[in-house]
Amino acid sequence: MGPAGARKAHTAFEWVKGHNGHPRNEGADQCAGEGARKPPTEALDLSPPAALRLAIRNRKNTSCAQRPAAVTTLAVIAEDLAEVCDYQVTDRAIWLSLRKKDITREARQFLWKLVQDAFMVGRHWLRPSMPDLLKERATCTKCLEVESLDHILFRCEARGREKITSLLRKTWENTGVAFPGLRWGTAVGAGCVIFKSSNDARLTLTERLWTILATESLYLIWKLRCERINSPLPGEESAGCKSMGIRRGR
C-alpha cells in the first residue's frame, strides 16, 4: 500500500472474492505466506521491476487512443504557446508538463480533466436524455450564454474570475517580465511557457514562478465558480470569496 500511495497517478482497486480460484488472488495469498515466513529483519524490495514499468507504459501508449476532445484542446494549447513563446511544443511535452513539481496534485488533476473536457458543464447538460430542469445548468446565469470551459476560465464576467486575473497581472509586474496573459496555452500549458532574458538566456526561476501562479490562479477561478453556482443561498459569501473581498453574484 505504501508504494501505491506514493504514486503520482491515480491507483484504483477492484474487489474480488477471496479463496474462489481467482489466479491473482491465490497468487497474492501465496506471496503473503512467503512474506510471513521471511525473517523479520530481512528488507523487502516492493518496487516493481523497471522492465515491468516500461512494458506497462508501452502498452498504454499503443493501446490508448486520445479522446477527440483532448486532441482539440492540445492543439489549442500548442497554438497559443507557438504564438506567445515562438516555438512548437509536442503533445507529449504538454502531458509531461502537468507532472512538474511546481504544480500541486490538486491542480494537476484539475488540468488533466480540463484537457480531457471531463467536467460536466455547458453542452454536456444539453444532451437529449437530460430533464429540462437539468438543462438549465448549461447556461451561465451571469453572462446568459451556454457555458464552456473557455467561457468559465477566460471570458466569464463574474467578479471572481476578473479579480483573480487582475491580481495575477499585478503580482507578475514585480518580475519585470512581460505578462503573457491567461489563456489555454499559458495557463493549462504553463509548464511549457518559456521566458528569456535580453541576452536570450532561459529564466528558469521565472518560468517556475509562472507555472505556480498560472495553474493556481486557474484552479482558484474554477473553485470559486463551483462555489458560486452550488450555493444554496445566492446572497451568501463563501470563505474563498470573503478572503479575496469578492461578493457572491450569480
Protein backbone atom coordinates (compact mmCIF):
# COMPACT_ATOMS: atom_id res chain seq x y z
CA MET A 1 0.00 0.00 0.00
CA GLY A 2 2.91 2.33 0.67
CA PRO A 3 4.26 2.40 -2.91
CA ALA A 4 0.70 2.68 -4.24
CA GLY A 5 0.05 5.74 -2.10
CA ALA A 6 3.33 7.32 -3.20
CA ARG A 7 2.44 7.14 -6.90
CA LYS A 8 1.64 10.44 -8.63
CA ALA A 9 -1.04 8.81 -10.77
CA HIS A 10 -4.39 7.52 -9.54
CA THR A 11 -4.47 4.00 -8.11
CA ALA A 12 -7.73 2.02 -8.41
CA PHE A 13 -8.54 -1.21 -6.56
CA GLU A 14 -11.07 -3.83 -7.65
CA TRP A 15 -12.60 -6.21 -5.10
CA VAL A 16 -12.56 -9.92 -5.92
CA LYS A 17 -14.00 -12.73 -3.85
CA GLY A 18 -11.31 -14.45 -1.83
CA HIS A 19 -10.49 -18.20 -1.92
CA ASN A 20 -12.57 -18.63 -5.05
CA GLY A 21 -9.93 -19.76 -7.52
CA HIS A 22 -9.05 -16.29 -8.81
CA PRO A 23 -5.45 -16.68 -10.10
CA ARG A 24 -4.17 -13.33 -8.86
CA ASN A 25 -5.95 -13.62 -5.53
CA GLU A 26 -4.45 -17.05 -4.99
CA GLY A 27 -1.08 -15.66 -6.04
CA ALA A 28 -1.43 -12.83 -3.52
CA ASP A 29 -2.18 -15.37 -0.78
CA GLN A 30 0.93 -17.34 -1.76
CA CYS A 31 3.10 -14.20 -1.71
CA ALA A 32 1.65 -13.21 1.67
CA GLY A 33 2.53 -16.65 3.05
CA GLU A 34 6.08 -16.44 1.73
CA GLY A 35 6.44 -12.97 3.21
CA ALA A 36 5.19 -14.14 6.60
CA ARG A 37 7.84 -16.86 6.68
CA LYS A 38 10.69 -14.48 5.99
CA PRO A 39 12.91 -13.33 8.87
CA PRO A 40 11.62 -10.04 10.36
CA THR A 41 14.98 -8.36 9.79
CA GLU A 42 15.07 -9.04 6.03
CA ALA A 43 14.39 -5.92 3.93
CA LEU A 44 11.74 -6.30 1.26
CA ASP A 45 12.07 -4.62 -2.13
CA LEU A 46 8.49 -3.66 -3.03
CA SER A 47 9.32 -1.62 -6.11
CA PRO A 48 8.16 -3.10 -9.44
CA PRO A 49 10.91 -4.17 -11.87
CA ALA A 50 11.96 -1.48 -14.34
CA ALA A 51 11.17 -3.79 -17.27
CA LEU A 52 7.62 -4.21 -15.98
CA ARG A 53 7.09 -0.45 -15.66
CA LEU A 54 8.39 0.07 -19.19
CA ALA A 55 6.16 -2.70 -20.57
CA ILE A 56 3.07 -1.18 -18.91
CA ARG A 57 3.91 2.27 -20.27
CA ASN A 58 4.49 0.95 -23.79
CA ARG A 59 1.22 -0.97 -23.71
CA LYS A 60 -0.69 2.13 -22.64
CA ASN A 61 0.93 4.21 -25.37
CA THR A 62 -0.01 1.73 -28.07
CA SER A 63 -3.48 0.74 -26.89
CA CYS A 64 -4.98 4.00 -25.59
CA ALA A 65 -6.02 6.49 -28.24
CA GLN A 66 -6.51 10.09 -27.14
CA ARG A 67 -10.07 11.33 -26.84
CA PRO A 68 -11.15 13.72 -29.63
CA ALA A 69 -11.71 16.45 -27.01
CA ALA A 70 -8.13 16.05 -25.77
CA VAL A 71 -6.76 16.23 -29.31
CA THR A 72 -8.61 19.51 -29.88
CA THR A 73 -7.52 21.01 -26.54
CA LEU A 74 -3.88 20.03 -27.06
CA ALA A 75 -3.94 21.71 -30.48
CA VAL A 76 -5.26 24.94 -28.92
CA ILE A 77 -2.58 24.84 -26.21
CA ALA A 78 0.17 24.25 -28.77
CA GLU A 79 -1.12 27.08 -30.98
CA ASP A 80 -1.16 29.50 -28.06
CA LEU A 81 2.37 28.54 -27.00
CA ALA A 82 3.63 28.96 -30.55
CA GLU A 83 2.20 32.48 -30.60
CA VAL A 84 3.42 33.53 -27.14
CA CYS A 85 6.76 31.69 -26.93
CA ASP A 86 7.55 31.26 -30.63
CA TYR A 87 8.26 27.52 -30.51
CA GLN A 88 6.37 24.34 -31.34
CA VAL A 89 5.50 22.10 -28.41
CA THR A 90 4.54 18.43 -28.75
CA ASP A 91 1.55 16.73 -27.15
CA ARG A 92 3.95 14.62 -25.09
CA ALA A 93 5.68 17.74 -23.74
CA ILE A 94 2.31 19.19 -22.67
CA TRP A 95 1.32 16.00 -20.86
CA LEU A 96 4.70 15.78 -19.14
CA SER A 97 4.49 19.44 -18.08
CA LEU A 98 1.42 18.61 -15.98
CA ARG A 99 3.64 16.41 -13.81
CA LYS A 100 6.12 19.14 -12.90
CA LYS A 101 6.81 19.50 -9.19
CA ASP A 102 5.70 23.14 -9.25
CA ILE A 103 2.09 22.03 -9.91
CA THR A 104 0.18 20.78 -6.88
CA ARG A 105 -1.53 17.42 -7.04
CA GLU A 106 -4.98 19.01 -6.90
CA ALA A 107 -4.17 21.45 -9.69
CA ARG A 108 -2.62 18.64 -11.75
CA GLN A 109 -5.80 16.59 -11.59
CA PHE A 110 -7.83 19.66 -12.49
CA LEU A 111 -5.64 20.45 -15.52
CA TRP A 112 -5.79 16.84 -16.69
CA LYS A 113 -9.59 16.95 -16.63
CA LEU A 114 -9.54 20.26 -18.47
CA VAL A 115 -7.55 18.77 -21.33
CA GLN A 116 -9.92 15.78 -21.45
CA ASP A 117 -13.04 18.02 -21.31
CA ALA A 118 -14.17 15.86 -18.39
CA PHE A 119 -16.18 18.45 -16.48
CA MET A 120 -19.98 18.47 -16.60
CA VAL A 121 -20.55 21.97 -17.98
CA GLY A 122 -22.33 23.67 -20.86
CA ARG A 123 -23.27 21.43 -23.77
CA HIS A 124 -22.97 18.30 -21.63
CA TRP A 125 -26.18 19.37 -19.86
CA LEU A 126 -27.98 19.69 -23.20
CA ARG A 127 -27.99 16.00 -24.05
CA PRO A 128 -31.39 14.80 -25.28
CA SER A 129 -31.75 12.46 -22.31
CA MET A 130 -31.38 15.30 -19.78
CA PRO A 131 -34.52 16.52 -17.96
CA ASP A 132 -35.45 20.14 -18.75
CA LEU A 133 -34.64 21.19 -15.20
CA LEU A 134 -31.05 19.97 -15.52
CA LYS A 135 -30.66 21.51 -18.99
CA GLU A 136 -30.92 24.92 -17.32
CA ARG A 137 -27.47 24.28 -15.82
CA ALA A 138 -25.94 24.67 -19.26
CA THR A 139 -26.38 28.45 -19.18
CA CYS A 140 -24.15 30.90 -17.31
CA THR A 141 -26.54 32.89 -15.15
CA LYS A 142 -24.14 35.84 -15.13
CA CYS A 143 -23.47 36.15 -18.87
CA LEU A 144 -26.67 34.42 -20.08
CA GLU A 145 -24.91 32.19 -22.61
CA VAL A 146 -24.18 28.48 -22.82
CA GLU A 147 -21.15 27.78 -20.69
CA SER A 148 -17.92 26.19 -21.84
CA LEU A 149 -14.62 25.72 -20.08
CA ASP A 150 -13.21 28.52 -22.20
CA HIS A 151 -16.03 30.82 -21.08
CA ILE A 152 -15.72 29.90 -17.39
CA LEU A 153 -11.95 30.29 -17.16
CA PHE A 154 -11.15 33.10 -19.57
CA ARG A 155 -14.25 35.11 -20.54
CA CYS A 156 -16.94 34.99 -17.84
CA GLU A 157 -17.86 38.37 -16.38
CA ALA A 158 -18.22 37.00 -12.86
CA ARG A 159 -16.21 39.09 -10.42
CA GLY A 160 -14.23 36.14 -9.08
CA ARG A 161 -12.58 35.43 -12.42
CA GLU A 162 -11.85 39.07 -13.20
CA LYS A 163 -10.45 39.68 -9.71
CA ILE A 164 -8.11 36.71 -9.84
CA THR A 165 -6.83 37.65 -13.29
CA SER A 166 -6.25 41.21 -12.11
CA LEU A 167 -4.34 40.06 -9.03
CA LEU A 168 -2.23 37.71 -11.15
CA ARG A 169 -1.31 40.53 -13.52
CA LYS A 170 -0.46 42.87 -10.64
CA THR A 171 1.70 40.23 -8.94
CA TRP A 172 3.50 39.42 -12.17
CA GLU A 173 4.51 43.07 -12.63
CA ASN A 174 7.02 42.57 -9.80
CA THR A 175 9.07 40.24 -12.01
CA GLY A 176 9.75 42.91 -14.64
CA VAL A 177 8.83 40.38 -17.35
CA ALA A 178 6.03 41.00 -19.83
CA PHE A 179 2.73 39.48 -18.70
CA PRO A 180 1.94 36.56 -21.08
CA GLY A 181 -1.79 36.66 -20.37
CA LEU A 182 -4.03 33.92 -19.04
CA ARG A 183 -5.18 31.64 -21.85
CA TRP A 184 -5.18 27.93 -22.72
CA GLY A 185 -1.54 27.77 -23.73
CA THR A 186 -0.10 29.92 -20.94
CA ALA A 187 -2.34 28.55 -18.16
CA VAL A 188 -3.09 24.89 -18.88
CA GLY A 189 0.29 24.63 -20.61
CA ALA A 190 2.01 26.85 -18.02
CA GLY A 191 4.74 24.28 -17.50
CA CYS A 192 5.77 24.71 -21.15
CA VAL A 193 5.99 28.52 -21.16
CA ILE A 194 9.49 29.84 -21.82
CA PHE A 195 10.86 33.21 -20.65
CA LYS A 196 14.18 34.60 -21.85
CA SER A 197 16.40 37.49 -20.82
CA SER A 198 17.67 40.22 -23.14
CA ASN A 199 20.71 38.06 -23.97
CA ASP A 200 18.49 35.08 -24.88
CA ALA A 201 19.17 33.11 -21.68
CA ARG A 202 16.39 30.99 -20.17
CA LEU A 203 14.84 32.45 -17.00
CA THR A 204 14.15 29.12 -15.31
CA LEU A 205 13.14 30.55 -11.93
CA THR A 206 10.73 32.93 -13.64
CA GLU A 207 9.28 30.01 -15.58
CA ARG A 208 8.73 28.07 -12.37
CA LEU A 209 7.07 31.08 -10.75
CA TRP A 210 4.71 31.44 -13.70
CA THR A 211 3.82 27.76 -13.55
CA ILE A 212 2.82 28.12 -9.90
CA LEU A 213 0.90 31.38 -10.26
CA ALA A 214 -0.90 30.50 -13.50
CA THR A 215 -2.03 27.00 -12.52
CA GLU A 216 -3.16 28.02 -9.03
CA SER A 217 -5.00 31.07 -10.42
CA LEU A 218 -6.83 28.93 -12.95
CA TYR A 219 -7.73 26.35 -10.32
CA LEU A 220 -9.00 29.08 -7.98
CA ILE A 221 -11.20 30.53 -10.74
CA TRP A 222 -12.76 27.09 -11.15
CA LYS A 223 -13.27 26.56 -7.42
CA LEU A 224 -14.93 29.95 -6.95
CA ARG A 225 -17.17 29.29 -9.94
CA CYS A 226 -18.26 25.96 -8.42
CA GLU A 227 -18.97 27.63 -5.08
CA ARG A 228 -20.96 30.35 -6.80
CA ILE A 229 -23.30 28.03 -8.69
CA ASN A 230 -23.67 25.47 -5.90
CA SER A 231 -24.53 27.90 -3.12
CA PRO A 232 -27.97 27.27 -1.63
CA LEU A 233 -28.11 30.95 -0.71
CA PRO A 234 -27.13 33.17 -3.69
CA GLY A 235 -26.55 36.19 -1.47
CA GLU A 236 -24.18 34.38 0.88
CA GLU A 237 -20.41 34.76 0.51
CA SER A 238 -18.09 31.77 0.52
CA ALA A 239 -14.88 31.63 2.55
CA GLY A 240 -12.87 31.92 -0.67
CA CYS A 241 -14.82 34.96 -1.81
CA LYS A 242 -14.54 36.62 1.60
CA SER A 243 -10.76 36.17 1.69
CA MET A 244 -10.48 37.99 -1.65
CA GLY A 245 -13.07 40.65 -0.92
CA ILE A 246 -15.41 39.29 -3.61
CA ARG A 247 -19.15 39.42 -3.12
CA ARG A 248 -21.02 36.41 -4.41
CA GLY A 249 -23.09 37.05 -7.51
CA ARG A 250 -24.83 34.76 -9.96
